[in-house]
Structures are given as C-alpha cells and as structure tokens.
Amino acid sequence: MPIFYPTDRPLADFKCNTFAIIARCPQTKRFGAAAASKFPGVGAFSPCVDPEYGVVATQGWMNPALGPRGIELLRQGLTANKVLDDLLMEDPGRDLRQVAVMDRFGHCAAFTGSENDDVKGHLIGDQFCLSGNLLANEDVLPAMKQAFEQNTDIELAERLLAALKAGSDAGGDRRGKQASVLKVAATPGFPYVDFRVDDHPEPILELERIYYSNRSVLIEQYYDWVDTVMKGIPLEKKG
C-alpha cells in the first residue's frame, strides 16, 4: 500500500528505525526489540514482537505491512530465512527496505536493500540481530553489539536499552534524535514491556527513564497480574 507524505519535509526524513536490535533471551526465552530514529512515533510502525514465535523489524523506506505479515508467517512455523525470503519476494520495493527476522528458535535473517542510505548494514549474533541505515558512522552497530554482549547478567529489556544507548553514543542517526521504542513479550495477550517515546530531544534517555520509573508497577508484578486475570481475582484480593 503506498504511503503519501507532505512535501514540505525532505523525503530522507521519512526513513524509520535508523538503528534497531531484535533479540531473544536464552534464559527466559523471551523475545524483544528496540529501535531509535529521527522519525516521530517510530514505535507505531516497528518492531512486531510475538511472545511465542519471534520478531520482525522493518526500516529504511519502510513498508509497515512487512511486520505483521512476517509474524503471520512465523506463526505458521517458517524459519527466519524462509520468512525473510517470502517477505522480500512479495515486496516490489525490496531494495528500499531493511528487514530483520528472528524465529522461535532465536535464529536470525536480515536484509539491507541497496537503495538504503549509507552508512547502512546489519550484524547477526547469537540470538540477536542489529540493523541500521542513515547512521553517522561505521562504529554504531559494533558499539551496540559490544554493549549487548557485555550485559548478559541483566534483564533483556535492559540489555536492549544498553545497546540503544551505545549506538546513540557512537553517533546514532546522522539526522539527529526524535523517537524510540522498547518491547519485550512474555505471555500471549498480556503486554509486558511495551514503551514508546514519540517525540523528544533525548528519546533513548527518556525511554530509559520511563522503563525504570514503571518497572516496579508494570514488570515486577507482571505475573501476579496475569495470574489474577486468568483466575478472575482482583490483584488486591489475591492470597
């Protein structure tokens, strides 16, 4: 489906998710993703995270339909490579896209179309994948990789935040800063970590503030909430 934008803003400004990470925690088996961009409300477009089947992140000259379509294919049991191949085959604008897919086993596949603006590229690691375009320099993705791999003793959401911060500190989006998103899925139908900053001069720092300010309410009591909802018991009456 074509997307039309106002003409008083440079077209390069309409590129989404300039740097992103998708990942799976080997201990908890949870899937998550995070991204930052000089694009308002980037989290409304990507990533898509399923608690059982995996993650799809799409960026560049984004086709937002690739995310839900990718999750649909992952739920059919397809591998990350197969899902990516099918998404690209169905998309006539594939050379404009940047897409990363993780399947239920934590295997990743990624594509960076030739028409994305430099600096562009992707890195695939052990149960994680980094991707970026319009980056300030070649150091952004390696910095994110190092931060994510070094922080193995903290929650997945916090590792994702560490990777975003490292990418930003290394230069991030060469256009500047505006929006960010952090998602971790745990239980089907029950949002776990799902925070966005849509328009802020320091979107990653604001995302971090929101996460830590609300962790005790939304995250540390998460399974109590799920349990009481499933049993039909108000949380304050449990026990």
C-alpha atoms as a PDB file:
ATOM      1  CA  MET A   1       0.000   0.000   0.000  1.00  0.00           C
ATOM      2  CA  PRO A   2       1.556   3.367  -0.959  1.00  0.00           C
ATOM      3  CA  ILE A   3       2.143   5.918   1.773  1.00  0.00           C
ATOM      4  CA  PHE A   4       1.950   9.620   0.911  1.00  0.00           C
ATOM      5  CA  TYR A   5       3.755  12.305   2.891  1.00  0.00           C
ATOM      6  CA  PRO A   6       3.617  16.105   2.908  1.00  0.00           C
ATOM      7  CA  THR A   7       6.128  17.668   0.561  1.00  0.00           C
ATOM      8  CA  ASP A   8       7.430  20.357   2.957  1.00  0.00           C
ATOM      9  CA  ARG A   9       9.752  17.887   4.685  1.00  0.00           C
ATOM     10  CA  PRO A  10      12.766  16.236   2.978  1.00  0.00           C
ATOM     11  CA  LEU A  11      11.975  12.704   1.890  1.00  0.00           C
ATOM     12  CA  ALA A  12      15.050  11.393   3.706  1.00  0.00           C
ATOM     13  CA  ASP A  13      13.326  12.399   6.963  1.00  0.00           C
ATOM     14  CA  PHE A  14      10.672   9.740   6.371  1.00  0.00           C
ATOM     15  CA  LYS A  15      13.029   6.834   6.864  1.00  0.00           C
ATOM     16  CA  CYS A  16      12.217   4.861  10.007  1.00  0.00           C
ATOM     17  CA  ASN A  17      14.067   2.872  12.660  1.00  0.00           C
ATOM     18  CA  THR A  18      17.504   4.101  11.783  1.00  0.00           C
ATOM     19  CA  PHE A  19      19.113   1.701  14.246  1.00  0.00           C
ATOM     20  CA  ALA A  20      17.441  -1.301  15.802  1.00  0.00           C
ATOM     21  CA  ILE A  21      18.070  -4.546  17.653  1.00  0.00           C
ATOM     22  CA  ILE A  22      15.978  -7.706  17.876  1.00  0.00           C
ATOM     23  CA  ALA A  23      16.862 -10.414  20.382  1.00  0.00           C
ATOM     24  CA  ARG A  24      15.895 -13.494  22.369  1.00  0.00           C
ATOM     25  CA  CYS A  25      16.952 -14.139  25.964  1.00  0.00           C
ATOM     26  CA  PRO A  26      18.467 -17.646  26.203  1.00  0.00           C
ATOM     27  CA  GLN A  27      17.417 -17.960  29.861  1.00  0.00           C
ATOM     28  CA  THR A  28      13.821 -16.707  29.816  1.00  0.00           C
ATOM     29  CA  LYS A  29      13.164 -17.440  26.092  1.00  0.00           C
ATOM     30  CA  ARG A  30      11.516 -14.032  25.810  1.00  0.00           C
ATOM     31  CA  PHE A  31      11.699 -12.066  22.575  1.00  0.00           C
ATOM     32  CA  GLY A  32      12.335  -8.347  22.439  1.00  0.00           C
ATOM     33  CA  ALA A  33      13.341  -5.443  20.258  1.00  0.00           C
ATOM     34  CA  ALA A  34      14.316  -1.799  20.466  1.00  0.00           C
ATOM     35  CA  ALA A  35      14.868   0.994  17.971  1.00  0.00           C
ATOM     36  CA  ALA A  36      15.610   4.690  17.727  1.00  0.00           C
ATOM     37  CA  SER A  37      15.215   7.168  14.892  1.00  0.00           C
ATOM     38  CA  LYS A  38      14.902  10.785  13.815  1.00  0.00           C
ATOM     39  CA  PHE A  39      11.314   9.958  12.901  1.00  0.00           C
ATOM     40  CA  PRO A  40       8.244  10.708  15.065  1.00  0.00           C
ATOM     41  CA  GLY A  41       6.386   7.821  16.657  1.00  0.00           C
ATOM     42  CA  VAL A  42       8.683   5.188  15.220  1.00  0.00           C
ATOM     43  CA  GLY A  43       7.277   2.532  17.566  1.00  0.00           C
ATOM     44  CA  ALA A  44       3.905   2.706  15.823  1.00  0.00           C
ATOM     45  CA  PHE A  45       5.481   1.204  12.714  1.00  0.00           C
ATOM     46  CA  SER A  46       8.004  -1.326  14.016  1.00  0.00           C
ATOM     47  CA  PRO A  47       9.028  -3.675  15.593  1.00  0.00           C
ATOM     48  CA  CYS A  48       6.479  -6.505  15.828  1.00  0.00           C
ATOM     49  CA  VAL A  49       7.120  -8.991  18.650  1.00  0.00           C
ATOM     50  CA  ASP A  50       5.287 -12.259  19.285  1.00  0.00           C
ATOM     51  CA  PRO A  51       5.887 -13.945  22.678  1.00  0.00           C
ATOM     52  CA  GLU A  52       5.996 -17.432  21.176  1.00  0.00           C
ATOM     53  CA  TYR A  53       7.136 -17.148  17.563  1.00  0.00           C
ATOM     54  CA  GLY A  54       9.639 -14.335  17.184  1.00  0.00           C
ATOM     55  CA  VAL A  55      10.277 -10.800  15.984  1.00  0.00           C
ATOM     56  CA  VAL A  56      10.204  -8.759  12.785  1.00  0.00           C
ATOM     57  CA  ALA A  57      11.756  -5.290  12.463  1.00  0.00           C
ATOM     58  CA  THR A  58      11.428  -3.295   9.269  1.00  0.00           C
ATOM     59  CA  GLN A  59      13.018   0.047   8.478  1.00  0.00           C
ATOM     60  CA  GLY A  60      14.613   2.195   5.789  1.00  0.00           C
ATOM     61  CA  TRP A  61      11.948   3.284   3.304  1.00  0.00           C
ATOM     62  CA  MET A  62       9.641   1.284   5.494  1.00  0.00           C
ATOM     63  CA  ASN A  63       6.801  -0.927   4.357  1.00  0.00           C
ATOM     64  CA  PRO A  64       4.994  -1.312   7.722  1.00  0.00           C
ATOM     65  CA  ALA A  65       2.921  -4.234   6.410  1.00  0.00           C
ATOM     66  CA  LEU A  66       6.042  -6.433   6.447  1.00  0.00           C
ATOM     67  CA  GLY A  67       5.978  -6.640  10.252  1.00  0.00           C
ATOM     68  CA  PRO A  68       2.509  -8.150  10.749  1.00  0.00           C
ATOM     69  CA  ARG A  69       2.941 -10.279   7.624  1.00  0.00           C
ATOM     70  CA  GLY A  70       6.226 -11.613   8.940  1.00  0.00           C
ATOM     71  CA  ILE A  71       4.672 -12.521  12.290  1.00  0.00           C
ATOM     72  CA  GLU A  72       1.874 -14.310  10.437  1.00  0.00           C
ATOM     73  CA  LEU A  73       4.461 -16.417   8.593  1.00  0.00           C
ATOM     74  CA  LEU A  74       6.437 -17.117  11.775  1.00  0.00           C
ATOM     75  CA  ARG A  75       3.249 -18.415  13.410  1.00  0.00           C
ATOM     76  CA  GLN A  76       2.989 -20.926  10.576  1.00  0.00           C
ATOM     77  CA  GLY A  77       6.295 -22.389  11.745  1.00  0.00           C
ATOM     78  CA  LEU A  78       8.506 -20.967   8.992  1.00  0.00           C
ATOM     79  CA  THR A  79      12.177 -20.316   9.667  1.00  0.00           C
ATOM     80  CA  ALA A  80      13.620 -16.822   9.778  1.00  0.00           C
ATOM     81  CA  ASN A  81      15.301 -17.335   6.399  1.00  0.00           C
ATOM     82  CA  LYS A  82      12.102 -18.530   4.767  1.00  0.00           C
ATOM     83  CA  VAL A  83      10.051 -15.688   6.236  1.00  0.00           C
ATOM     84  CA  LEU A  84      12.564 -13.122   5.008  1.00  0.00           C
ATOM     85  CA  ASP A  85      12.629 -14.668   1.534  1.00  0.00           C
ATOM     86  CA  ASP A  86       8.835 -14.629   1.327  1.00  0.00           C
ATOM     87  CA  LEU A  87       8.591 -11.025   2.545  1.00  0.00           C
ATOM     88  CA  LEU A  88      11.104  -9.804   0.007  1.00  0.00           C
ATOM     89  CA  MET A  89       9.551 -11.799  -2.828  1.00  0.00           C
ATOM     90  CA  GLU A  90       6.168 -10.177  -2.113  1.00  0.00           C
ATOM     91  CA  ASP A  91       7.565  -6.625  -1.939  1.00  0.00           C
ATOM     92  CA  PRO A  92       8.366  -4.787  -5.213  1.00  0.00           C
ATOM     93  CA  GLY A  93      10.247  -2.148  -3.212  1.00  0.00           C
ATOM     94  CA  ARG A  94      12.600  -4.644  -1.575  1.00  0.00           C
ATOM     95  CA  ASP A  95      15.762  -2.711  -2.468  1.00  0.00           C
ATOM     96  CA  LEU A  96      14.471   0.198  -0.378  1.00  0.00           C
ATOM     97  CA  ARG A  97      13.877  -1.948   2.706  1.00  0.00           C
ATOM     98  CA  GLN A  98      15.854  -3.095   5.673  1.00  0.00           C
ATOM     99  CA  VAL A  99      14.315  -6.119   7.380  1.00  0.00           C
ATOM    100  CA  ALA A 100      15.385  -8.326  10.294  1.00  0.00           C
ATOM    101  CA  VAL A 101      13.567 -11.520  11.313  1.00  0.00           C
ATOM    102  CA  MET A 102      14.014 -13.853  14.292  1.00  0.00           C
ATOM    103  CA  ASP A 103      12.187 -17.180  14.503  1.00  0.00           C
ATOM    104  CA  ARG A 104      11.048 -19.152  17.552  1.00  0.00           C
ATOM    105  CA  PHE A 105      14.462 -20.813  17.906  1.00  0.00           C
ATOM    106  CA  GLY A 106      16.314 -17.498  18.030  1.00  0.00           C
ATOM    107  CA  HIS A 107      17.702 -17.869  14.509  1.00  0.00           C
ATOM    108  CA  CYS A 108      18.013 -14.594  12.592  1.00  0.00           C
ATOM    109  CA  ALA A 109      17.926 -13.489   8.988  1.00  0.00           C
ATOM    110  CA  ALA A 110      18.429  -9.934   7.760  1.00  0.00           C
ATOM    111  CA  PHE A 111      18.413  -7.907   4.574  1.00  0.00           C
ATOM    112  CA  THR A 112      19.690  -4.429   3.779  1.00  0.00           C
ATOM    113  CA  GLY A 113      18.490  -3.190   0.402  1.00  0.00           C
ATOM    114  CA  SER A 114      20.957  -1.455  -1.879  1.00  0.00           C
ATOM    115  CA  GLU A 115      18.836   1.711  -2.025  1.00  0.00           C
ATOM    116  CA  ASN A 116      19.142   2.411   1.699  1.00  0.00           C
ATOM    117  CA  ASP A 117      21.314   5.421   2.536  1.00  0.00           C
ATOM    118  CA  ASP A 118      24.789   4.987   3.961  1.00  0.00           C
ATOM    119  CA  VAL A 119      26.023   4.232   6.467  1.00  0.00           C
ATOM    120  CA  LYS A 120      23.930   1.075   6.323  1.00  0.00           C
ATOM    121  CA  GLY A 121      24.217  -2.587   7.239  1.00  0.00           C
ATOM    122  CA  HIS A 122      23.325  -5.346   9.662  1.00  0.00           C
ATOM    123  CA  LEU A 123      25.102  -7.680  12.093  1.00  0.00           C
ATOM    124  CA  ILE A 124      23.851 -11.076  13.220  1.00  0.00           C
ATOM    125  CA  GLY A 125      24.990 -12.529  16.537  1.00  0.00           C
ATOM    126  CA  ASP A 126      23.961 -15.332  18.880  1.00  0.00           C
ATOM    127  CA  GLN A 127      20.177 -14.864  19.176  1.00  0.00           C
ATOM    128  CA  PHE A 128      20.275 -11.192  18.233  1.00  0.00           C
ATOM    129  CA  CYS A 129      20.467  -9.010  15.147  1.00  0.00           C
ATOM    130  CA  LEU A 130      21.398  -5.368  14.674  1.00  0.00           C
ATOM    131  CA  SER A 131      20.469  -3.229  11.692  1.00  0.00           C
ATOM    132  CA  GLY A 132      20.856   0.383  10.715  1.00  0.00           C
ATOM    133  CA  ASN A 133      20.778   2.926   7.924  1.00  0.00           C
ATOM    134  CA  LEU A 134      21.466   6.655   7.765  1.00  0.00           C
ATOM    135  CA  LEU A 135      23.999   6.012  10.517  1.00  0.00           C
ATOM    136  CA  ALA A 136      26.529   8.648  11.491  1.00  0.00           C
ATOM    137  CA  ASN A 137      29.474   6.270  11.036  1.00  0.00           C
ATOM    138  CA  GLU A 138      30.630   2.646  10.861  1.00  0.00           C
ATOM    139  CA  ASP A 139      31.007   2.403  14.656  1.00  0.00           C
ATOM    140  CA  VAL A 140      27.304   2.462  15.559  1.00  0.00           C
ATOM    141  CA  LEU A 141      26.404  -1.217  15.054  1.00  0.00           C
ATOM    142  CA  PRO A 142      29.653  -2.622  16.550  1.00  0.00           C
ATOM    143  CA  ALA A 143      29.115  -0.428  19.621  1.00  0.00           C
ATOM    144  CA  MET A 144      25.590  -1.794  20.013  1.00  0.00           C
ATOM    145  CA  LYS A 145      26.860  -5.355  19.607  1.00  0.00           C
ATOM    146  CA  GLN A 146      29.519  -4.888  22.274  1.00  0.00           C
ATOM    147  CA  ALA A 147      27.066  -3.357  24.749  1.00  0.00           C
ATOM    148  CA  PHE A 148      24.513  -6.108  24.234  1.00  0.00           C
ATOM    149  CA  GLU A 149      27.048  -8.925  24.564  1.00  0.00           C
ATOM    150  CA  GLN A 150      28.692  -7.456  27.661  1.00  0.00           C
ATOM    151  CA  ASN A 151      25.492  -7.113  29.688  1.00  0.00           C
ATOM    152  CA  THR A 152      24.423 -10.757  29.952  1.00  0.00           C
ATOM    153  CA  ASP A 153      23.532 -10.611  33.661  1.00  0.00           C
ATOM    154  CA  ILE A 154      20.612  -8.171  33.353  1.00  0.00           C
ATOM    155  CA  GLU A 155      17.063  -8.356  32.019  1.00  0.00           C
ATOM    156  CA  LEU A 156      16.549  -8.480  28.253  1.00  0.00           C
ATOM    157  CA  ALA A 157      14.843  -5.079  28.257  1.00  0.00           C
ATOM    158  CA  GLU A 158      17.848  -3.554  29.999  1.00  0.00           C
ATOM    159  CA  ARG A 159      20.265  -5.186  27.552  1.00  0.00           C
ATOM    160  CA  LEU A 160      18.265  -3.726  24.681  1.00  0.00           C
ATOM    161  CA  LEU A 161      18.379  -0.288  26.286  1.00  0.00           C
ATOM    162  CA  ALA A 162      22.139  -0.620  26.782  1.00  0.00           C
ATOM    163  CA  ALA A 163      22.542  -1.429  23.088  1.00  0.00           C
ATOM    164  CA  LEU A 164      20.441   1.594  22.055  1.00  0.00           C
ATOM    165  CA  LYS A 165      22.414   3.921  24.313  1.00  0.00           C
ATOM    166  CA  ALA A 166      25.715   2.604  22.946  1.00  0.00           C
ATOM    167  CA  GLY A 167      24.531   3.118  19.393  1.00  0.00           C
ATOM    168  CA  SER A 168      23.466   6.669  20.156  1.00  0.00           C
ATOM    169  CA  ASP A 169      26.734   7.446  21.946  1.00  0.00           C
ATOM    170  CA  ALA A 170      28.635   6.180  18.889  1.00  0.00           C
ATOM    171  CA  GLY A 171      26.787   8.622  16.630  1.00  0.00           C
ATOM    172  CA  GLY A 172      23.372   7.059  16.026  1.00  0.00           C
ATOM    173  CA  ASP A 173      21.127   8.512  13.341  1.00  0.00           C
ATOM    174  CA  ARG A 174      23.078  11.126  11.393  1.00  0.00           C
ATOM    175  CA  ARG A 175      19.948  13.290  11.156  1.00  0.00           C
ATOM    176  CA  GLY A 176      19.596  13.567  14.949  1.00  0.00           C
ATOM    177  CA  LYS A 177      17.245  12.231  17.638  1.00  0.00           C
ATOM    178  CA  GLN A 178      13.470  12.120  17.988  1.00  0.00           C
ATOM    179  CA  ALA A 179      11.808   8.798  18.875  1.00  0.00           C
ATOM    180  CA  SER A 180      12.474   5.379  20.389  1.00  0.00           C
ATOM    181  CA  VAL A 181      10.718   2.121  21.250  1.00  0.00           C
ATOM    182  CA  LEU A 182      11.321  -0.836  23.589  1.00  0.00           C
ATOM    183  CA  LYS A 183       9.346  -4.075  23.507  1.00  0.00           C
ATOM    184  CA  VAL A 184       9.693  -7.429  25.267  1.00  0.00           C
ATOM    185  CA  ALA A 185       6.936 -10.052  25.024  1.00  0.00           C
ATOM    186  CA  ALA A 186       6.267 -12.669  27.700  1.00  0.00           C
ATOM    187  CA  THR A 187       2.700 -14.065  27.595  1.00  0.00           C
ATOM    188  CA  PRO A 188       0.276 -14.120  24.638  1.00  0.00           C
ATOM    189  CA  GLY A 189      -2.376 -11.437  25.061  1.00  0.00           C
ATOM    190  CA  PHE A 190      -0.671  -9.736  28.022  1.00  0.00           C
ATOM    191  CA  PRO A 191       1.698  -6.844  27.197  1.00  0.00           C
ATOM    192  CA  TYR A 192       4.936  -6.982  29.164  1.00  0.00           C
ATOM    193  CA  VAL A 193       7.496  -4.309  28.279  1.00  0.00           C
ATOM    194  CA  ASP A 194       5.942  -2.011  25.671  1.00  0.00           C
ATOM    195  CA  PHE A 195       7.157   1.572  25.907  1.00  0.00           C
ATOM    196  CA  ARG A 196       7.495   4.316  23.308  1.00  0.00           C
ATOM    197  CA  VAL A 197       8.847   7.835  23.127  1.00  0.00           C
ATOM    198  CA  ASP A 198       7.257   9.523  20.133  1.00  0.00           C
ATOM    199  CA  ASP A 199       8.857  12.985  20.078  1.00  0.00           C
ATOM    200  CA  HIS A 200      11.618  14.030  22.470  1.00  0.00           C
ATOM    201  CA  PRO A 201      15.046  15.698  22.237  1.00  0.00           C
ATOM    202  CA  GLU A 202      16.609  12.736  24.086  1.00  0.00           C
ATOM    203  CA  PRO A 203      14.339   9.806  23.209  1.00  0.00           C
ATOM    204  CA  ILE A 204      16.593   6.998  24.458  1.00  0.00           C
ATOM    205  CA  LEU A 205      17.235   8.623  27.835  1.00  0.00           C
ATOM    206  CA  GLU A 206      13.504   9.298  28.145  1.00  0.00           C
ATOM    207  CA  LEU A 207      12.749   5.685  27.230  1.00  0.00           C
ATOM    208  CA  GLU A 208      15.163   4.525  29.919  1.00  0.00           C
ATOM    209  CA  ARG A 209      13.510   6.845  32.457  1.00  0.00           C
ATOM    210  CA  ILE A 210      10.044   5.516  31.615  1.00  0.00           C
ATOM    211  CA  TYR A 211      11.219   1.919  31.899  1.00  0.00           C
ATOM    212  CA  TYR A 212      12.878   2.273  35.300  1.00  0.00           C
ATOM    213  CA  SER A 213      10.153   4.548  36.694  1.00  0.00           C
ATOM    214  CA  ASN A 214       7.460   1.985  35.941  1.00  0.00           C
ATOM    215  CA  ARG A 215       9.313  -1.296  36.350  1.00  0.00           C
ATOM    216  CA  SER A 216       8.077  -1.921  39.885  1.00  0.00           C
ATOM    217  CA  VAL A 217       4.435  -1.443  38.875  1.00  0.00           C
ATOM    218  CA  LEU A 218       4.228  -2.984  35.405  1.00  0.00           C
ATOM    219  CA  ILE A 219       7.056  -5.514  35.280  1.00  0.00           C
ATOM    220  CA  GLU A 220       7.878  -6.796  38.760  1.00  0.00           C
ATOM    221  CA  GLN A 221       4.168  -7.538  39.362  1.00  0.00           C
ATOM    222  CA  TYR A 222       3.556  -8.814  35.841  1.00  0.00           C
ATOM    223  CA  TYR A 223       2.980 -12.497  36.590  1.00  0.00           C
ATOM    224  CA  ASP A 224       0.778 -11.694  39.603  1.00  0.00           C
ATOM    225  CA  TRP A 225      -1.355  -9.602  37.252  1.00  0.00           C
ATOM    226  CA  VAL A 226      -1.527 -12.350  34.604  1.00  0.00           C
ATOM    227  CA  ASP A 227      -2.405 -14.947  37.246  1.00  0.00           C
ATOM    228  CA  THR A 228      -5.199 -12.894  38.801  1.00  0.00           C
ATOM    229  CA  VAL A 229      -6.694 -12.024  35.433  1.00  0.00           C
ATOM    230  CA  MET A 230      -6.696 -15.663  34.376  1.00  0.00           C
ATOM    231  CA  LYS A 231      -8.307 -16.697  37.678  1.00  0.00           C
ATOM    232  CA  GLY A 232     -10.746 -13.784  37.784  1.00  0.00           C
ATOM    233  CA  ILE A 233      -9.413 -12.500  41.118  1.00  0.00           C
ATOM    234  CA  PRO A 234      -8.692  -8.799  41.729  1.00  0.00           C
ATOM    235  CA  LEU A 235      -4.993  -8.269  42.409  1.00  0.00           C
ATOM    236  CA  GLU A 236      -5.532  -6.707  45.861  1.00  0.00           C
ATOM    237  CA  LYS A 237      -7.549  -9.794  46.994  1.00  0.00           C
ATOM    238  CA  LYS A 238      -5.012 -12.369  45.879  1.00  0.00           C
ATOM    239  CA  GLY A 239      -3.904 -14.602  48.769  1.00  0.00           C
END
